[in-house]
Amino acid sequence: MARRIDYYDDPNAPKANSLVPSVNVIVTDDAGRILMIRRTDNGNWAVPGGAIDLGESVAQAAIRETLEETGITCEITGLVGIYSDPRHVIHYTSNDEVRQEFSIVLTASLSSGEPTPSDESWEVAWCDPESLGTLQMDRSMKIRIQRFISGISNPMIT
């Protein structure tokens, strides 16, 4: 099984050999819950997201990735930040790619759909922000979600 291993500020991390623009989406519903997935490649919880394909905009990629991973259609509403910290690398064991983090994190609201797992998500759930601390997730994901929950209006740029 292909795996994803995240390293943050780890002297034993492999050296990055690629940089792929990606997008993550913090989707909320009318009750203020956040849409979360449990990833199939590492078992951790995260917000939906993935690589931006050639020929699509950041917003188009965000909407596509959210629908593919969760069954939810969303409308983009804002920007949490741009995360490109070279201390965060992601190792994909299927092809030995080691990506330097480059993620644009957007906010979105629920348009339609029901949470539905996919090939990339074992579970999809609406979670109360207060309960997110109990979920297993990578440090970088916690940082992004916490920035959103804190309500800071200026986007984070790292």
C-alpha atoms as a PDB file:
ATOM      1  CA  MET A   1       0.000   0.000   0.000  1.00  0.00           C
ATOM      2  CA  ALA A   2       1.304   3.445  -0.924  1.00  0.00           C
ATOM      3  CA  ARG A   3       1.906   5.590   2.097  1.00  0.00           C
ATOM      4  CA  ARG A   4       2.339   9.246   2.874  1.00  0.00           C
ATOM      5  CA  ILE A   5       4.751  10.160   5.652  1.00  0.00           C
ATOM      6  CA  ASP A   6       4.882  13.757   6.881  1.00  0.00           C
ATOM      7  CA  TYR A   7       8.051  15.134   8.454  1.00  0.00           C
ATOM      8  CA  TYR A   8       8.230  18.487  10.189  1.00  0.00           C
ATOM      9  CA  ASP A   9      11.540  19.959  11.288  1.00  0.00           C
ATOM     10  CA  ASP A  10      12.982  16.435  11.477  1.00  0.00           C
ATOM     11  CA  PRO A  11      16.751  16.116  10.904  1.00  0.00           C
ATOM     12  CA  ASN A  12      16.166  12.523   9.727  1.00  0.00           C
ATOM     13  CA  ALA A  13      13.651  13.527   7.052  1.00  0.00           C
ATOM     14  CA  PRO A  14      14.550  12.703   3.459  1.00  0.00           C
ATOM     15  CA  LYS A  15      15.535  15.637   1.255  1.00  0.00           C
ATOM     16  CA  ALA A  16      12.809  17.150  -0.900  1.00  0.00           C
ATOM     17  CA  ASN A  17      12.984  16.302  -4.597  1.00  0.00           C
ATOM     18  CA  SER A  18       9.807  18.058  -5.794  1.00  0.00           C
ATOM     19  CA  LEU A  19       7.516  20.988  -5.181  1.00  0.00           C
ATOM     20  CA  VAL A  20       3.858  20.539  -6.182  1.00  0.00           C
ATOM     21  CA  PRO A  21       1.296  23.320  -5.676  1.00  0.00           C
ATOM     22  CA  SER A  22      -1.655  21.950  -3.756  1.00  0.00           C
ATOM     23  CA  VAL A  23      -4.794  23.176  -2.080  1.00  0.00           C
ATOM     24  CA  ASN A  24      -6.552  22.292   1.178  1.00  0.00           C
ATOM     25  CA  VAL A  25     -10.116  23.308   1.928  1.00  0.00           C
ATOM     26  CA  ILE A  26     -11.690  24.048   5.296  1.00  0.00           C
ATOM     27  CA  VAL A  27     -15.375  23.523   4.521  1.00  0.00           C
ATOM     28  CA  THR A  28     -17.945  24.512   7.138  1.00  0.00           C
ATOM     29  CA  ASP A  29     -21.656  23.837   7.360  1.00  0.00           C
ATOM     30  CA  ASP A  30     -24.412  26.048   8.794  1.00  0.00           C
ATOM     31  CA  ALA A  31     -23.729  24.661  12.288  1.00  0.00           C
ATOM     32  CA  GLY A  32     -20.054  25.705  12.131  1.00  0.00           C
ATOM     33  CA  ARG A  33     -18.772  22.141  11.868  1.00  0.00           C
ATOM     34  CA  ILE A  34     -15.670  21.413   9.787  1.00  0.00           C
ATOM     35  CA  LEU A  35     -15.570  18.741   7.080  1.00  0.00           C
ATOM     36  CA  MET A  36     -12.810  16.221   7.872  1.00  0.00           C
ATOM     37  CA  ILE A  37     -11.506  13.110   6.134  1.00  0.00           C
ATOM     38  CA  ARG A  38      -9.543  10.183   7.495  1.00  0.00           C
ATOM     39  CA  ARG A  39      -6.866   9.642   4.848  1.00  0.00           C
ATOM     40  CA  THR A  40      -6.312   6.190   3.369  1.00  0.00           C
ATOM     41  CA  ASP A  41      -2.574   6.777   2.854  1.00  0.00           C
ATOM     42  CA  ASN A  42      -1.658   7.408   6.504  1.00  0.00           C
ATOM     43  CA  GLY A  43      -4.801   7.003   8.620  1.00  0.00           C
ATOM     44  CA  ASN A  44      -4.645  10.594   9.850  1.00  0.00           C
ATOM     45  CA  TRP A  45      -7.475  13.091   9.836  1.00  0.00           C
ATOM     46  CA  ALA A  46      -7.220  16.124   7.538  1.00  0.00           C
ATOM     47  CA  VAL A  47      -9.284  18.611   5.603  1.00  0.00           C
ATOM     48  CA  PRO A  48      -9.809  17.667   1.952  1.00  0.00           C
ATOM     49  CA  GLY A  49      -7.242  18.688  -0.624  1.00  0.00           C
ATOM     50  CA  GLY A  50      -4.692  17.721  -3.209  1.00  0.00           C
ATOM     51  CA  ALA A  51      -2.567  18.808  -6.136  1.00  0.00           C
ATOM     52  CA  ILE A  52      -3.637  21.553  -8.505  1.00  0.00           C
ATOM     53  CA  ASP A  53      -3.856  20.092 -12.013  1.00  0.00           C
ATOM     54  CA  LEU A  54      -2.625  21.850 -15.126  1.00  0.00           C
ATOM     55  CA  GLY A  55      -5.406  23.883 -16.676  1.00  0.00           C
ATOM     56  CA  GLU A  56      -7.354  24.533 -13.486  1.00  0.00           C
ATOM     57  CA  SER A  57      -7.425  27.414 -11.043  1.00  0.00           C
ATOM     58  CA  VAL A  58      -6.806  27.164  -7.306  1.00  0.00           C
ATOM     59  CA  ALA A  59     -10.556  27.473  -6.669  1.00  0.00           C
ATOM     60  CA  GLN A  60     -11.418  24.835  -9.286  1.00  0.00           C
ATOM     61  CA  ALA A  61      -8.897  22.430  -7.739  1.00  0.00           C
ATOM     62  CA  ALA A  62     -10.315  23.062  -4.270  1.00  0.00           C
ATOM     63  CA  ILE A  63     -13.878  22.339  -5.362  1.00  0.00           C
ATOM     64  CA  ARG A  64     -12.815  19.252  -7.379  1.00  0.00           C
ATOM     65  CA  GLU A  65     -10.680  17.761  -4.593  1.00  0.00           C
ATOM     66  CA  THR A  66     -13.395  18.324  -1.992  1.00  0.00           C
ATOM     67  CA  LEU A  67     -16.012  16.622  -4.152  1.00  0.00           C
ATOM     68  CA  GLU A  68     -13.703  13.706  -5.071  1.00  0.00           C
ATOM     69  CA  GLU A  69     -12.654  13.012  -1.468  1.00  0.00           C
ATOM     70  CA  THR A  70     -15.898  13.734   0.379  1.00  0.00           C
ATOM     71  CA  GLY A  71     -18.959  13.782  -1.892  1.00  0.00           C
ATOM     72  CA  ILE A  72     -19.518  17.406  -0.837  1.00  0.00           C
ATOM     73  CA  THR A  73     -19.895  20.327  -3.245  1.00  0.00           C
ATOM     74  CA  CYS A  74     -18.622  23.569  -1.772  1.00  0.00           C
ATOM     75  CA  GLU A  75     -18.343  27.271  -2.544  1.00  0.00           C
ATOM     76  CA  ILE A  76     -14.996  28.978  -1.909  1.00  0.00           C
ATOM     77  CA  THR A  77     -15.280  31.854   0.583  1.00  0.00           C
ATOM     78  CA  GLY A  78     -11.776  32.894   1.597  1.00  0.00           C
ATOM     79  CA  LEU A  79      -8.106  32.268   2.277  1.00  0.00           C
ATOM     80  CA  VAL A  80      -6.534  30.915   5.467  1.00  0.00           C
ATOM     81  CA  GLY A  81      -2.975  31.064   4.171  1.00  0.00           C
ATOM     82  CA  ILE A  82      -0.174  29.838   1.973  1.00  0.00           C
ATOM     83  CA  TYR A  83       2.085  27.247   3.561  1.00  0.00           C
ATOM     84  CA  SER A  84       5.489  26.566   1.993  1.00  0.00           C
ATOM     85  CA  ASP A  85       7.728  25.850   4.980  1.00  0.00           C
ATOM     86  CA  PRO A  86      10.745  23.871   3.685  1.00  0.00           C
ATOM     87  CA  ARG A  87      10.985  22.173   7.116  1.00  0.00           C
ATOM     88  CA  HIS A  88       7.800  20.261   6.211  1.00  0.00           C
ATOM     89  CA  VAL A  89       8.321  17.504   3.654  1.00  0.00           C
ATOM     90  CA  ILE A  90       5.965  14.754   2.574  1.00  0.00           C
ATOM     91  CA  HIS A  91       7.345  11.371   1.499  1.00  0.00           C
ATOM     92  CA  TYR A  92       5.190   9.335  -0.891  1.00  0.00           C
ATOM     93  CA  THR A  93       6.496   5.780  -0.687  1.00  0.00           C
ATOM     94  CA  SER A  94       4.866   4.592  -3.930  1.00  0.00           C
ATOM     95  CA  ASN A  95       7.368   6.492  -6.076  1.00  0.00           C
ATOM     96  CA  ASP A  96       9.835   7.828  -3.474  1.00  0.00           C
ATOM     97  CA  GLU A  97       8.754  11.383  -4.169  1.00  0.00           C
ATOM     98  CA  VAL A  98       9.566  13.782  -1.329  1.00  0.00           C
ATOM     99  CA  ARG A  99       7.643  17.033  -1.662  1.00  0.00           C
ATOM    100  CA  GLN A 100       8.386  20.293   0.023  1.00  0.00           C
ATOM    101  CA  GLU A 101       5.132  21.623   1.428  1.00  0.00           C
ATOM    102  CA  PHE A 102       3.327  24.082  -0.833  1.00  0.00           C
ATOM    103  CA  SER A 103      -0.320  24.331   0.145  1.00  0.00           C
ATOM    104  CA  ILE A 104      -2.847  27.090  -0.370  1.00  0.00           C
ATOM    105  CA  VAL A 105      -5.497  26.726   2.334  1.00  0.00           C
ATOM    106  CA  LEU A 106      -8.939  28.072   1.469  1.00  0.00           C
ATOM    107  CA  THR A 107     -12.228  28.318   3.320  1.00  0.00           C
ATOM    108  CA  ALA A 108     -15.508  27.178   1.829  1.00  0.00           C
ATOM    109  CA  SER A 109     -19.151  26.702   2.697  1.00  0.00           C
ATOM    110  CA  LEU A 110     -21.301  23.640   2.087  1.00  0.00           C
ATOM    111  CA  SER A 111     -23.383  23.839  -1.095  1.00  0.00           C
ATOM    112  CA  SER A 112     -24.745  20.280  -1.314  1.00  0.00           C
ATOM    113  CA  GLY A 113     -24.024  16.605  -0.858  1.00  0.00           C
ATOM    114  CA  GLU A 114     -23.627  14.011   1.856  1.00  0.00           C
ATOM    115  CA  PRO A 115     -20.291  12.944   3.376  1.00  0.00           C
ATOM    116  CA  THR A 116     -19.165   9.918   1.348  1.00  0.00           C
ATOM    117  CA  PRO A 117     -15.795   8.112   1.634  1.00  0.00           C
ATOM    118  CA  SER A 118     -13.641   7.642  -1.470  1.00  0.00           C
ATOM    119  CA  ASP A 119     -10.426   5.897  -2.524  1.00  0.00           C
ATOM    120  CA  GLU A 120      -8.575   8.656  -0.646  1.00  0.00           C
ATOM    121  CA  SER A 121     -10.750   8.789   2.489  1.00  0.00           C
ATOM    122  CA  TRP A 122     -11.736   5.958   4.817  1.00  0.00           C
ATOM    123  CA  GLU A 123     -14.090   8.225   6.717  1.00  0.00           C
ATOM    124  CA  VAL A 124     -15.706  11.599   6.073  1.00  0.00           C
ATOM    125  CA  ALA A 125     -17.337  13.493   8.937  1.00  0.00           C
ATOM    126  CA  TRP A 126     -18.588  16.876  10.032  1.00  0.00           C
ATOM    127  CA  CYS A 127     -16.709  17.693  13.253  1.00  0.00           C
ATOM    128  CA  ASP A 128     -17.274  20.316  15.903  1.00  0.00           C
ATOM    129  CA  PRO A 129     -14.154  22.493  16.170  1.00  0.00           C
ATOM    130  CA  GLU A 130     -13.897  21.648  19.898  1.00  0.00           C
ATOM    131  CA  SER A 131     -13.583  17.921  19.128  1.00  0.00           C
ATOM    132  CA  LEU A 132     -10.744  18.229  16.607  1.00  0.00           C
ATOM    133  CA  GLY A 133      -8.078  17.965  19.322  1.00  0.00           C
ATOM    134  CA  THR A 134      -9.042  14.332  19.859  1.00  0.00           C
ATOM    135  CA  LEU A 135      -8.390  13.362  16.222  1.00  0.00           C
ATOM    136  CA  GLN A 136      -5.017  12.009  15.072  1.00  0.00           C
ATOM    137  CA  MET A 137      -3.541  14.424  12.526  1.00  0.00           C
ATOM    138  CA  ASP A 138      -0.200  15.724  11.341  1.00  0.00           C
ATOM    139  CA  ARG A 139       1.250  18.825  12.962  1.00  0.00           C
ATOM    140  CA  SER A 140       0.969  20.876   9.762  1.00  0.00           C
ATOM    141  CA  MET A 141      -2.763  20.126   9.514  1.00  0.00           C
ATOM    142  CA  LYS A 142      -3.301  21.109  13.158  1.00  0.00           C
ATOM    143  CA  ILE A 143      -1.550  24.434  12.496  1.00  0.00           C
ATOM    144  CA  ARG A 144      -3.771  25.197   9.499  1.00  0.00           C
ATOM    145  CA  ILE A 145      -7.013  24.305  11.241  1.00  0.00           C
ATOM    146  CA  GLN A 146      -6.049  26.193  14.402  1.00  0.00           C
ATOM    147  CA  ARG A 147      -5.354  29.304  12.333  1.00  0.00           C
ATOM    148  CA  PHE A 148      -8.869  29.053  10.907  1.00  0.00           C
ATOM    149  CA  ILE A 149     -10.523  28.388  14.275  1.00  0.00           C
ATOM    150  CA  SER A 150      -8.694  31.320  15.875  1.00  0.00           C
ATOM    151  CA  GLY A 151     -10.513  33.681  13.513  1.00  0.00           C
ATOM    152  CA  ILE A 152      -7.398  35.628  12.527  1.00  0.00           C
ATOM    153  CA  SER A 153      -8.396  37.484   9.379  1.00  0.00           C
ATOM    154  CA  ASN A 154      -4.960  38.069   7.842  1.00  0.00           C
ATOM    155  CA  PRO A 155      -3.788  35.085   5.789  1.00  0.00           C
ATOM    156  CA  MET A 156      -0.743  33.202   7.056  1.00  0.00           C
ATOM    157  CA  ILE A 157       2.132  33.136   4.601  1.00  0.00           C
ATOM    158  CA  THR A 158       5.074  30.857   5.403  1.00  0.00           C
END
